[in-house]
PDB file of N, CA and C in Angstrom:
ATOM      1  N   UNK A   1     -63.090  -5.658  43.260  1.00  0.00           N
ATOM      2  CA  UNK A   1     -64.450  -5.815  42.774  1.00  0.00           C
ATOM      3  C   UNK A   1     -64.559  -7.206  42.162  1.00  0.00           C
ATOM      4  N   UNK A   2     -65.731  -7.771  42.296  1.00  0.00           N
ATOM      5  CA  UNK A   2     -65.999  -9.078  41.741  1.00  0.00           C
ATOM      6  C   UNK A   2     -66.129  -9.029  40.229  1.00  0.00           C
ATOM      7  N   UNK A   3     -66.379 -10.160  39.537  1.00  0.00           N
ATOM      8  CA  UNK A   3     -66.400 -10.246  38.120  1.00  0.00           C
ATOM      9  C   UNK A   3     -67.272  -9.217  37.417  1.00  0.00           C
ATOM     10  N   UNK A   4     -66.936  -8.928  36.151  1.00  0.00           N
ATOM     11  CA  UNK A   4     -67.643  -7.977  35.369  1.00  0.00           C
ATOM     12  C   UNK A   4     -69.035  -8.509  34.983  1.00  0.00           C
ATOM     13  N   UNK A   5     -69.925  -7.603  34.767  1.00  0.00           N
ATOM     14  CA  UNK A   5     -71.307  -7.881  34.423  1.00  0.00           C
ATOM     15  C   UNK A   5     -71.662  -7.032  33.239  1.00  0.00           C
ATOM     16  N   UNK A   6     -72.269  -7.644  32.226  1.00  0.00           N
ATOM     17  CA  UNK A   6     -72.679  -6.835  31.063  1.00  0.00           C
ATOM     18  C   UNK A   6     -74.049  -6.190  31.344  1.00  0.00           C
ATOM     19  N   UNK A   7     -74.382  -5.164  30.557  1.00  0.00           N
ATOM     20  CA  UNK A   7     -75.705  -4.536  30.690  1.00  0.00           C
ATOM     21  C   UNK A   7     -76.811  -5.524  30.446  1.00  0.00           C
ATOM     22  N   UNK A   8     -76.574  -6.462  29.540  1.00  0.00           N
ATOM     23  CA  UNK A   8     -77.584  -7.486  29.245  1.00  0.00           C
ATOM     24  C   UNK A   8     -77.793  -8.389  30.453  1.00  0.00           C
ATOM     25  N   UNK A   9     -76.716  -8.736  31.162  1.00  0.00           N
ATOM     26  CA  UNK A   9     -76.787  -9.520  32.378  1.00  0.00           C
ATOM     27  C   UNK A   9     -77.594  -8.771  33.471  1.00  0.00           C
ATOM     28  N   UNK A  10     -77.224  -7.497  33.634  1.00  0.00           N
ATOM     29  CA  UNK A  10     -77.886  -6.701  34.664  1.00  0.00           C
ATOM     30  C   UNK A  10     -79.374  -6.547  34.380  1.00  0.00           C
ATOM     31  N   UNK A  11     -79.710  -6.422  33.122  1.00  0.00           N
ATOM     32  CA  UNK A  11     -81.130  -6.254  32.749  1.00  0.00           C
ATOM     33  C   UNK A  11     -81.953  -7.522  33.050  1.00  0.00           C
ATOM     34  N   UNK A  12     -81.313  -8.642  33.190  1.00  0.00           N
ATOM     35  CA  UNK A  12     -82.006  -9.914  33.533  1.00  0.00           C
ATOM     36  C   UNK A  12     -82.423  -9.972  35.000  1.00  0.00           C
ATOM     37  N   UNK A  13     -81.791  -9.174  35.845  1.00  0.00           N
ATOM     38  CA  UNK A  13     -82.101  -9.163  37.261  1.00  0.00           C
ATOM     39  C   UNK A  13     -83.325  -8.292  37.503  1.00  0.00           C
ATOM     40  N   UNK A  14     -84.422  -8.908  37.832  1.00  0.00           N
ATOM     41  CA  UNK A  14     -85.706  -8.180  38.013  1.00  0.00           C
ATOM     42  C   UNK A  14     -85.860  -7.716  39.452  1.00  0.00           C
ATOM     43  N   UNK A  15     -85.474  -6.467  39.722  1.00  0.00           N
ATOM     44  CA  UNK A  15     -85.568  -5.862  41.048  1.00  0.00           C
ATOM     45  C   UNK A  15     -86.776  -4.939  41.080  1.00  0.00           C
ATOM     46  N   UNK A  16     -87.640  -5.168  42.069  1.00  0.00           N
ATOM     47  CA  UNK A  16     -88.875  -4.407  42.139  1.00  0.00           C
ATOM     48  C   UNK A  16     -89.127  -3.924  43.580  1.00  0.00           C
ATOM     49  N   UNK A  17     -89.914  -2.873  43.679  1.00  0.00           N
ATOM     50  CA  UNK A  17     -90.357  -2.371  44.989  1.00  0.00           C
ATOM     51  C   UNK A  17     -91.592  -3.062  45.430  1.00  0.00           C
ATOM     52  N   UNK A  18     -91.619  -3.455  46.700  1.00  0.00           N
ATOM     53  CA  UNK A  18     -92.799  -4.091  47.287  1.00  0.00           C
ATOM     54  C   UNK A  18     -92.993  -3.624  48.710  1.00  0.00           C
ATOM     55  N   UNK A  19     -94.173  -3.888  49.255  1.00  0.00           N
ATOM     56  CA  UNK A  19     -94.496  -3.499  50.621  1.00  0.00           C
ATOM     57  C   UNK A  19     -94.713  -4.780  51.460  1.00  0.00           C
ATOM     58  N   UNK A  20     -94.042  -4.837  52.584  1.00  0.00           N
ATOM     59  CA  UNK A  20     -94.249  -5.999  53.518  1.00  0.00           C
ATOM     60  C   UNK A  20     -95.625  -5.860  54.127  1.00  0.00           C
ATOM     61  N   UNK A  21     -96.458  -6.856  53.849  1.00  0.00           N
ATOM     62  CA  UNK A  21     -97.834  -6.796  54.332  1.00  0.00           C
ATOM     63  C   UNK A  21     -98.102  -7.859  55.463  1.00  0.00           C
ATOM     64  N   UNK A  22     -97.149  -8.765  55.660  1.00  0.00           N
ATOM     65  CA  UNK A  22     -97.278  -9.742  56.719  1.00  0.00           C
ATOM     66  C   UNK A  22     -95.907 -10.302  57.065  1.00  0.00           C
ATOM     67  N   UNK A  23     -95.770 -10.713  58.325  1.00  0.00           N
ATOM     68  CA  UNK A  23     -94.494 -11.362  58.715  1.00  0.00           C
ATOM     69  C   UNK A  23     -94.721 -12.248  59.953  1.00  0.00           C
ATOM     70  N   UNK A  24     -93.889 -13.267  60.017  1.00  0.00           N
ATOM     71  CA  UNK A  24     -93.933 -14.213  61.149  1.00  0.00           C
ATOM     72  C   UNK A  24     -92.530 -14.513  61.525  1.00  0.00           C
ATOM     73  N   UNK A  25     -92.336 -14.955  62.769  1.00  0.00           N
ATOM     74  CA  UNK A  25     -91.050 -15.496  63.207  1.00  0.00           C
ATOM     75  C   UNK A  25     -90.789 -16.777  62.416  1.00  0.00           C
ATOM     76  N   UNK A  26     -89.537 -17.138  62.268  1.00  0.00           N
ATOM     77  CA  UNK A  26     -89.135 -18.320  61.518  1.00  0.00           C
ATOM     78  C   UNK A  26     -88.216 -19.138  62.407  1.00  0.00           C
ATOM     79  N   UNK A  27     -88.774 -19.790  63.434  1.00  0.00           N
ATOM     80  CA  UNK A  27     -87.961 -20.512  64.400  1.00  0.00           C
ATOM     81  C   UNK A  27     -87.196 -21.715  63.800  1.00  0.00           C
ATOM     82  N   UNK A  28     -87.646 -22.258  62.664  1.00  0.00           N
ATOM     83  CA  UNK A  28     -86.973 -23.360  62.052  1.00  0.00           C
ATOM     84  C   UNK A  28     -85.702 -22.974  61.285  1.00  0.00           C
ATOM     85  N   UNK A  29     -85.521 -21.683  61.046  1.00  0.00           N
ATOM     86  CA  UNK A  29     -84.330 -21.213  60.314  1.00  0.00           C
ATOM     87  C   UNK A  29     -83.063 -21.463  61.116  1.00  0.00           C
ATOM     88  N   UNK A  30     -81.935 -21.739  60.444  1.00  0.00           N
ATOM     89  CA  UNK A  30     -80.673 -21.931  61.111  1.00  0.00           C
ATOM     90  C   UNK A  30     -80.191 -20.677  61.822  1.00  0.00           C
ATOM     91  N   UNK A  31     -80.392 -19.484  61.212  1.00  0.00           N
ATOM     92  CA  UNK A  31     -80.060 -18.229  61.833  1.00  0.00           C
ATOM     93  C   UNK A  31     -81.381 -17.463  62.005  1.00  0.00           C
ATOM     94  N   UNK A  32     -81.458 -16.631  63.063  1.00  0.00           N
ATOM     95  CA  UNK A  32     -82.714 -15.907  63.330  1.00  0.00           C
ATOM     96  C   UNK A  32     -83.194 -15.182  62.056  1.00  0.00           C
ATOM     97  N   UNK A  33     -84.503 -15.379  61.757  1.00  0.00           N
ATOM     98  CA  UNK A  33     -85.055 -14.778  60.515  1.00  0.00           C
ATOM     99  C   UNK A  33     -86.558 -14.576  60.737  1.00  0.00           C
ATOM    100  N   UNK A  34     -87.105 -13.770  59.804  1.00  0.00           N
ATOM    101  CA  UNK A  34     -88.539 -13.627  59.652  1.00  0.00           C
ATOM    102  C   UNK A  34     -89.003 -14.219  58.330  1.00  0.00           C
ATOM    103  N   UNK A  35     -90.256 -14.652  58.311  1.00  0.00           N
ATOM    104  CA  UNK A  35     -90.924 -14.998  57.053  1.00  0.00           C
ATOM    105  C   UNK A  35     -91.738 -13.764  56.664  1.00  0.00           C
ATOM    106  N   UNK A  36     -91.510 -13.285  55.452  1.00  0.00           N
ATOM    107  CA  UNK A  36     -92.142 -12.045  54.985  1.00  0.00           C
ATOM    108  C   UNK A  36     -93.120 -12.345  53.868  1.00  0.00           C
ATOM    109  N   UNK A  37     -94.242 -11.634  53.849  1.00  0.00           N
ATOM    110  CA  UNK A  37     -95.212 -11.631  52.744  1.00  0.00           C
ATOM    111  C   UNK A  37     -95.174 -10.220  52.172  1.00  0.00           C
ATOM    112  N   UNK A  38     -94.869 -10.150  50.884  1.00  0.00           N
ATOM    113  CA  UNK A  38     -94.626  -8.867  50.210  1.00  0.00           C
ATOM    114  C   UNK A  38     -95.526  -8.663  49.054  1.00  0.00           C
ATOM    115  N   UNK A  39     -96.175  -7.490  48.983  1.00  0.00           N
ATOM    116  CA  UNK A  39     -97.058  -7.127  47.906  1.00  0.00           C
ATOM    117  C   UNK A  39     -96.286  -6.316  46.867  1.00  0.00           C
ATOM    118  N   UNK A  40     -96.093  -6.890  45.655  1.00  0.00           N
ATOM    119  CA  UNK A  40     -95.403  -6.222  44.575  1.00  0.00           C
ATOM    120  C   UNK A  40     -96.321  -5.613  43.553  1.00  0.00           C
ATOM    121  N   UNK A  41     -97.560  -5.419  43.871  1.00  0.00           N
ATOM    122  CA  UNK A  41     -98.515  -4.805  42.944  1.00  0.00           C
ATOM    123  C   UNK A  41     -99.180  -5.835  42.057  1.00  0.00           C
ATOM    124  N   UNK A  42    -100.094  -5.297  41.254  1.00  0.00           N
ATOM    125  CA  UNK A  42    -100.983  -6.153  40.434  1.00  0.00           C
ATOM    126  C   UNK A  42    -100.232  -7.038  39.453  1.00  0.00           C
ATOM    127  N   UNK A  43     -99.195  -6.556  38.795  1.00  0.00           N
ATOM    128  CA  UNK A  43     -98.507  -7.316  37.752  1.00  0.00           C
ATOM    129  C   UNK A  43     -97.740  -8.494  38.311  1.00  0.00           C
ATOM    130  N   UNK A  44     -97.145  -8.370  39.475  1.00  0.00           N
ATOM    131  CA  UNK A  44     -96.324  -9.424  40.055  1.00  0.00           C
ATOM    132  C   UNK A  44     -97.088 -10.219  41.106  1.00  0.00           C
ATOM    133  N   UNK A  45     -97.827  -9.481  41.948  1.00  0.00           N
ATOM    134  CA  UNK A  45     -98.615 -10.094  42.985  1.00  0.00           C
ATOM    135  C   UNK A  45     -97.922 -10.158  44.301  1.00  0.00           C
ATOM    136  N   UNK A  46     -98.346 -11.096  45.098  1.00  0.00           N
ATOM    137  CA  UNK A  46     -97.828 -11.250  46.462  1.00  0.00           C
ATOM    138  C   UNK A  46     -96.884 -12.445  46.508  1.00  0.00           C
ATOM    139  N   UNK A  47     -95.667 -12.177  47.034  1.00  0.00           N
ATOM    140  CA  UNK A  47     -94.638 -13.255  47.136  1.00  0.00           C
ATOM    141  C   UNK A  47     -94.140 -13.374  48.577  1.00  0.00           C
ATOM    142  N   UNK A  48     -93.616 -14.531  48.896  1.00  0.00           N
ATOM    143  CA  UNK A  48     -93.102 -14.767  50.246  1.00  0.00           C
ATOM    144  C   UNK A  48     -91.619 -15.045  50.187  1.00  0.00           C
ATOM    145  N   UNK A  49     -90.940 -14.686  51.273  1.00  0.00           N
ATOM    146  CA  UNK A  49     -89.528 -14.941  51.413  1.00  0.00           C
ATOM    147  C   UNK A  49     -89.165 -14.961  52.904  1.00  0.00           C
ATOM    148  N   UNK A  50     -87.944 -15.385  53.187  1.00  0.00           N
ATOM    149  CA  UNK A  50     -87.441 -15.230  54.554  1.00  0.00           C
ATOM    150  C   UNK A  50     -86.250 -14.331  54.501  1.00  0.00           C
ATOM    151  N   UNK A  51     -85.992 -13.679  55.602  1.00  0.00           N
ATOM    152  CA  UNK A  51     -84.874 -12.728  55.677  1.00  0.00           C
ATOM    153  C   UNK A  51     -84.244 -12.696  57.077  1.00  0.00           C
ATOM    154  N   UNK A  52     -82.929 -12.731  57.111  1.00  0.00           N
ATOM    155  CA  UNK A  52     -82.206 -12.710  58.378  1.00  0.00           C
ATOM    156  C   UNK A  52     -81.961 -11.228  58.769  1.00  0.00           C
ATOM    157  N   UNK A  53     -83.043 -10.585  59.191  1.00  0.00           N
ATOM    158  CA  UNK A  53     -83.006  -9.154  59.459  1.00  0.00           C
ATOM    159  C   UNK A  53     -83.473  -8.871  60.906  1.00  0.00           C
ATOM    160  N   UNK A  54     -83.371  -9.849  61.774  1.00  0.00           N
ATOM    161  CA  UNK A  54     -83.880  -9.725  63.163  1.00  0.00           C
ATOM    162  C   UNK A  54     -82.949  -8.888  64.014  1.00  0.00           C
ATOM    163  N   UNK A  55     -81.684  -8.758  63.688  1.00  0.00           N
ATOM    164  CA  UNK A  55     -80.739  -7.967  64.498  1.00  0.00           C
ATOM    165  C   UNK A  55     -81.110  -6.495  64.502  1.00  0.00           C
ATOM    166  N   UNK A  56     -81.558  -5.967  63.387  1.00  0.00           N
ATOM    167  CA  UNK A  56     -81.816  -4.539  63.230  1.00  0.00           C
ATOM    168  C   UNK A  56     -83.276  -4.173  63.252  1.00  0.00           C
ATOM    169  N   UNK A  57     -84.154  -5.072  62.844  1.00  0.00           N
ATOM    170  CA  UNK A  57     -85.575  -4.729  62.649  1.00  0.00           C
ATOM    171  C   UNK A  57     -86.496  -5.550  63.545  1.00  0.00           C
ATOM    172  N   UNK A  58     -87.497  -4.889  64.127  1.00  0.00           N
ATOM    173  CA  UNK A  58     -88.539  -5.564  64.856  1.00  0.00           C
ATOM    174  C   UNK A  58     -89.719  -5.761  63.863  1.00  0.00           C
ATOM    175  N   UNK A  59     -90.704  -6.539  64.269  1.00  0.00           N
ATOM    176  CA  UNK A  59     -91.846  -6.737  63.414  1.00  0.00           C
ATOM    177  C   UNK A  59     -92.578  -5.407  63.154  1.00  0.00           C
ATOM    178  N   UNK A  60     -92.653  -4.555  64.178  1.00  0.00           N
ATOM    179  CA  UNK A  60     -93.299  -3.255  64.024  1.00  0.00           C
ATOM    180  C   UNK A  60     -92.536  -2.363  63.020  1.00  0.00           C
ATOM    181  N   UNK A  61     -91.205  -2.515  62.957  1.00  0.00           N
ATOM    182  CA  UNK A  61     -90.411  -1.741  62.013  1.00  0.00           C
ATOM    183  C   UNK A  61     -90.720  -2.121  60.551  1.00  0.00           C
ATOM    184  N   UNK A  62     -91.113  -3.386  60.380  1.00  0.00           N
ATOM    185  CA  UNK A  62     -91.200  -3.950  59.031  1.00  0.00           C
ATOM    186  C   UNK A  62     -92.599  -3.905  58.408  1.00  0.00           C
ATOM    187  N   UNK A  63     -93.634  -4.011  59.170  1.00  0.00           N
ATOM    188  CA  UNK A  63     -94.960  -4.083  58.580  1.00  0.00           C
ATOM    189  C   UNK A  63     -95.288  -2.782  57.890  1.00  0.00           C
ATOM    190  N   UNK A  64     -95.728  -2.874  56.659  1.00  0.00           N
ATOM    191  CA  UNK A  64     -96.048  -1.754  55.760  1.00  0.00           C
ATOM    192  C   UNK A  64     -94.816  -1.010  55.282  1.00  0.00           C
ATOM    193  N   UNK A  65     -93.651  -1.563  55.435  1.00  0.00           N
ATOM    194  CA  UNK A  65     -92.391  -0.943  54.987  1.00  0.00           C
ATOM    195  C   UNK A  65     -92.118  -1.363  53.524  1.00  0.00           C
ATOM    196  N   UNK A  66     -91.718  -0.434  52.745  1.00  0.00           N
ATOM    197  CA  UNK A  66     -91.326  -0.734  51.337  1.00  0.00           C
ATOM    198  C   UNK A  66     -89.871  -1.231  51.310  1.00  0.00           C
ATOM    199  N   UNK A  67     -89.659  -2.204  50.452  1.00  0.00           N
ATOM    200  CA  UNK A  67     -88.329  -2.763  50.288  1.00  0.00           C
ATOM    201  C   UNK A  67     -88.024  -2.990  48.809  1.00  0.00           C
ATOM    202  N   UNK A  68     -86.827  -3.409  48.511  1.00  0.00           N
ATOM    203  CA  UNK A  68     -86.443  -3.783  47.148  1.00  0.00           C
ATOM    204  C   UNK A  68     -86.080  -5.251  47.167  1.00  0.00           C
ATOM    205  N   UNK A  69     -86.548  -6.005  46.185  1.00  0.00           N
ATOM    206  CA  UNK A  69     -86.256  -7.427  46.102  1.00  0.00           C
ATOM    207  C   UNK A  69     -86.105  -7.888  44.652  1.00  0.00           C
ATOM    208  N   UNK A  70     -85.364  -8.960  44.524  1.00  0.00           N
ATOM    209  CA  UNK A  70     -85.274  -9.637  43.217  1.00  0.00           C
ATOM    210  C   UNK A  70     -86.377 -10.670  43.155  1.00  0.00           C
ATOM    211  N   UNK A  71     -87.145 -10.616  42.080  1.00  0.00           N
ATOM    212  CA  UNK A  71     -88.346 -11.483  42.002  1.00  0.00           C
ATOM    213  C   UNK A  71     -88.210 -12.566  40.930  1.00  0.00           C
ATOM    214  N   UNK A  72     -87.084 -12.663  40.233  1.00  0.00           N
ATOM    215  CA  UNK A  72     -86.991 -13.682  39.217  1.00  0.00           C
ATOM    216  C   UNK A  72     -85.925 -14.750  39.453  1.00  0.00           C
ATOM    217  N   UNK A  73     -85.525 -14.926  40.726  1.00  0.00           N
ATOM    218  CA  UNK A  73     -84.715 -16.111  41.084  1.00  0.00           C
ATOM    219  C   UNK A  73     -85.598 -17.322  41.151  1.00  0.00           C
ATOM    220  N   UNK A  74     -85.091 -18.523  40.937  1.00  0.00           N
ATOM    221  CA  UNK A  74     -85.878 -19.711  41.160  1.00  0.00           C
ATOM    222  C   UNK A  74     -86.327 -19.795  42.614  1.00  0.00           C
ATOM    223  N   UNK A  75     -87.511 -20.378  42.851  1.00  0.00           N
ATOM    224  CA  UNK A  75     -87.971 -20.560  44.216  1.00  0.00           C
ATOM    225  C   UNK A  75     -86.985 -21.441  44.978  1.00  0.00           C
ATOM    226  N   UNK A  76     -86.857 -21.214  46.290  1.00  0.00           N
ATOM    227  CA  UNK A  76     -85.909 -21.929  47.104  1.00  0.00           C
ATOM    228  C   UNK A  76     -86.594 -22.460  48.351  1.00  0.00           C
ATOM    229  N   UNK A  77     -86.486 -23.820  48.544  1.00  0.00           N
ATOM    230  CA  UNK A  77     -87.051 -24.433  49.695  1.00  0.00           C
ATOM    231  C   UNK A  77     -86.128 -24.214  50.894  1.00  0.00           C
ATOM    232  N   UNK A  78     -86.670 -23.622  51.992  1.00  0.00           N
ATOM    233  CA  UNK A  78     -85.900 -23.370  53.209  1.00  0.00           C
ATOM    234  C   UNK A  78     -86.699 -24.072  54.314  1.00  0.00           C
ATOM    235  N   UNK A  79     -86.279 -25.300  54.659  1.00  0.00           N
ATOM    236  CA  UNK A  79     -87.064 -26.106  55.613  1.00  0.00           C
ATOM    237  C   UNK A  79     -88.400 -26.415  54.965  1.00  0.00           C
ATOM    238  N   UNK A  80     -89.475 -26.103  55.721  1.00  0.00           N
ATOM    239  CA  UNK A  80     -90.842 -26.286  55.228  1.00  0.00           C
ATOM    240  C   UNK A  80     -91.365 -25.078  54.521  1.00  0.00           C
ATOM    241  N   UNK A  81     -90.537 -24.050  54.336  1.00  0.00           N
ATOM    242  CA  UNK A  81     -90.983 -22.783  53.778  1.00  0.00           C
ATOM    243  C   UNK A  81     -90.390 -22.595  52.374  1.00  0.00           C
ATOM    244  N   UNK A  82     -91.211 -22.105  51.447  1.00  0.00           N
ATOM    245  CA  UNK A  82     -90.778 -21.866  50.097  1.00  0.00           C
ATOM    246  C   UNK A  82     -90.545 -20.348  49.863  1.00  0.00           C
ATOM    247  N   UNK A  83     -89.301 -19.981  49.612  1.00  0.00           N
ATOM    248  CA  UNK A  83     -88.951 -18.601  49.343  1.00  0.00           C
ATOM    249  C   UNK A  83     -89.129 -18.286  47.860  1.00  0.00           C
ATOM    250  N   UNK A  84     -89.806 -17.198  47.553  1.00  0.00           N
ATOM    251  CA  UNK A  84     -90.173 -16.862  46.179  1.00  0.00           C
ATOM    252  C   UNK A  84     -89.459 -15.619  45.648  1.00  0.00           C
ATOM    253  N   UNK A  85     -88.721 -14.916  46.491  1.00  0.00           N
ATOM    254  CA  UNK A  85     -87.998 -13.729  46.044  1.00  0.00           C
ATOM    255  C   UNK A  85     -86.829 -13.499  47.021  1.00  0.00           C
ATOM    256  N   UNK A  86     -85.979 -12.513  46.755  1.00  0.00           N
ATOM    257  CA  UNK A  86     -84.826 -12.208  47.565  1.00  0.00           C
ATOM    258  C   UNK A  86     -84.825 -10.734  47.962  1.00  0.00           C
ATOM    259  N   UNK A  87     -85.027 -10.462  49.216  1.00  0.00           N
ATOM    260  CA  UNK A  87     -84.993  -9.053  49.703  1.00  0.00           C
ATOM    261  C   UNK A  87     -83.543  -8.612  49.707  1.00  0.00           C
ATOM    262  N   UNK A  88     -83.330  -7.380  49.249  1.00  0.00           N
ATOM    263  CA  UNK A  88     -81.925  -6.858  49.135  1.00  0.00           C
ATOM    264  C   UNK A  88     -81.565  -5.980  50.316  1.00  0.00           C
ATOM    265  N   UNK A  89     -80.333  -6.117  50.735  1.00  0.00           N
ATOM    266  CA  UNK A  89     -79.819  -5.290  51.842  1.00  0.00           C
ATOM    267  C   UNK A  89     -78.331  -5.281  51.825  1.00  0.00           C
ATOM    268  N   UNK A  90     -77.770  -4.331  52.519  1.00  0.00           N
ATOM    269  CA  UNK A  90     -76.316  -4.204  52.718  1.00  0.00           C
ATOM    270  C   UNK A  90     -75.989  -4.946  53.969  1.00  0.00           C
ATOM    271  N   UNK A  91     -74.868  -5.704  54.001  1.00  0.00           N
ATOM    272  CA  UNK A  91     -74.472  -6.466  55.167  1.00  0.00           C
ATOM    273  C   UNK A  91     -73.425  -5.667  55.930  1.00  0.00           C
ATOM    274  N   UNK A  92     -73.802  -5.333  57.176  1.00  0.00           N
ATOM    275  CA  UNK A  92     -72.911  -4.565  58.047  1.00  0.00           C
ATOM    276  C   UNK A  92     -71.778  -5.408  58.606  1.00  0.00           C
ATOM    277  N   UNK A  93     -70.827  -4.737  59.240  1.00  0.00           N
ATOM    278  CA  UNK A  93     -69.670  -5.420  59.760  1.00  0.00           C
ATOM    279  C   UNK A  93     -70.013  -6.503  60.790  1.00  0.00           C
ATOM    280  N   UNK A  94     -71.042  -6.337  61.549  1.00  0.00           N
ATOM    281  CA  UNK A  94     -71.435  -7.339  62.544  1.00  0.00           C
ATOM    282  C   UNK A  94     -72.406  -8.366  61.960  1.00  0.00           C
ATOM    283  N   UNK A  95     -72.620  -8.358  60.658  1.00  0.00           N
ATOM    284  CA  UNK A  95     -73.472  -9.325  59.991  1.00  0.00           C
ATOM    285  C   UNK A  95     -74.961  -8.929  59.981  1.00  0.00           C
ATOM    286  N   UNK A  96     -75.278  -7.757  60.506  1.00  0.00           N
ATOM    287  CA  UNK A  96     -76.657  -7.326  60.418  1.00  0.00           C
ATOM    288  C   UNK A  96     -76.940  -6.789  59.014  1.00  0.00           C
ATOM    289  N   UNK A  97     -78.206  -6.911  58.600  1.00  0.00           N
ATOM    290  CA  UNK A  97     -78.601  -6.516  57.262  1.00  0.00           C
ATOM    291  C   UNK A  97     -79.380  -5.204  57.335  1.00  0.00           C
ATOM    292  N   UNK A  98     -78.988  -4.267  56.487  1.00  0.00           N
ATOM    293  CA  UNK A  98     -79.674  -2.962  56.365  1.00  0.00           C
ATOM    294  C   UNK A  98     -80.464  -3.007  55.053  1.00  0.00           C
ATOM    295  N   UNK A  99     -81.739  -3.002  55.109  1.00  0.00           N
ATOM    296  CA  UNK A  99     -82.603  -3.162  53.927  1.00  0.00           C
ATOM    297  C   UNK A  99     -82.443  -2.008  52.958  1.00  0.00           C
ATOM    298  N   UNK A 100     -82.481  -2.351  51.631  1.00  0.00           N
ATOM    299  CA  UNK A 100     -82.574  -1.315  50.587  1.00  0.00           C
ATOM    300  C   UNK A 100     -84.033  -0.953  50.383  1.00  0.00           C
ATOM    301  N   UNK A 101     -84.296   0.336  50.330  1.00  0.00           N
ATOM    302  CA  UNK A 101     -85.661   0.788  50.268  1.00  0.00           C
ATOM    303  C   UNK A 101     -85.711   2.159  49.559  1.00  0.00           C
ATOM    304  N   UNK A 102     -86.853   2.514  48.926  1.00  0.00           N
ATOM    305  CA  UNK A 102     -86.989   3.848  48.371  1.00  0.00           C
ATOM    306  C   UNK A 102     -87.055   4.907  49.452  1.00  0.00           C
ATOM    307  N   UNK A 103     -86.625   6.095  49.144  1.00  0.00           N
ATOM    308  CA  UNK A 103     -86.683   7.221  50.096  1.00  0.00           C
ATOM    309  C   UNK A 103     -88.112   7.709  50.352  1.00  0.00           C
ATOM    310  N   UNK A 104     -88.988   7.508  49.366  1.00  0.00           N
ATOM    311  CA  UNK A 104     -90.343   8.029  49.434  1.00  0.00           C
ATOM    312  C   UNK A 104     -91.314   6.881  49.149  1.00  0.00           C
ATOM    313  N   UNK A 105     -92.512   6.950  49.664  1.00  0.00           N
ATOM    314  CA  UNK A 105     -93.546   5.955  49.371  1.00  0.00           C
ATOM    315  C   UNK A 105     -93.857   6.051  47.897  1.00  0.00           C
ATOM    316  N   UNK A 106     -93.716   4.876  47.195  1.00  0.00           N
ATOM    317  CA  UNK A 106     -94.016   4.822  45.764  1.00  0.00           C
ATOM    318  C   UNK A 106     -94.883   3.631  45.470  1.00  0.00           C
ATOM    319  N   UNK A 107     -95.285   3.509  44.229  1.00  0.00           N
ATOM    320  CA  UNK A 107     -96.169   2.426  43.832  1.00  0.00           C
ATOM    321  C   UNK A 107     -95.444   1.070  43.891  1.00  0.00           C
ATOM    322  N   UNK A 108     -96.121   0.087  44.506  1.00  0.00           N
ATOM    323  CA  UNK A 108     -95.561  -1.252  44.488  1.00  0.00           C
ATOM    324  C   UNK A 108     -95.480  -1.770  43.050  1.00  0.00           C
ATOM    325  N   UNK A 109     -94.406  -2.496  42.767  1.00  0.00           N
ATOM    326  CA  UNK A 109     -94.241  -3.088  41.467  1.00  0.00           C
ATOM    327  C   UNK A 109     -93.405  -2.240  40.509  1.00  0.00           C
ATOM    328  N   UNK A 110     -92.889  -1.079  40.979  1.00  0.00           N
ATOM    329  CA  UNK A 110     -91.983  -0.324  40.141  1.00  0.00           C
ATOM    330  C   UNK A 110     -90.652  -1.025  40.059  1.00  0.00           C
ATOM    331  N   UNK A 111     -90.089  -1.084  38.826  1.00  0.00           N
ATOM    332  CA  UNK A 111     -88.824  -1.781  38.600  1.00  0.00           C
ATOM    333  C   UNK A 111     -87.625  -0.904  38.943  1.00  0.00           C
ATOM    334  N   UNK A 112     -86.646  -1.505  39.535  1.00  0.00           N
ATOM    335  CA  UNK A 112     -85.370  -0.834  39.830  1.00  0.00           C
ATOM    336  C   UNK A 112     -84.485  -1.047  38.604  1.00  0.00           C
ATOM    337  N   UNK A 113     -83.875  -0.015  38.122  1.00  0.00           N
ATOM    338  CA  UNK A 113     -83.001  -0.209  36.959  1.00  0.00           C
ATOM    339  C   UNK A 113     -82.000   0.855  36.816  1.00  0.00           C
TER     340      UNK A 113
END
């Protein structure tokens, strides 16, 4: 297991549920990826990110799908695109990403803790 993390450290990681409301191909990315627009509810708003999830998910699989993302990382410039959050997923043996998501449809903007 990697380094220890205190409860105070964990509490700083702002993980929230959001719904993918838009997506585009991201041909400029080094590895195949989508550009995602995610609605995190009224308090957080709409954020954009890119995700290397093309091996497992089609655009139809993703639109209106709820996901879990970290929303308090610094923004990151990826080519001409500005990423504003980090979508969470488990990385499979072949490098494909399996998204973390709630089992049931819930309110956007609920915090994971």
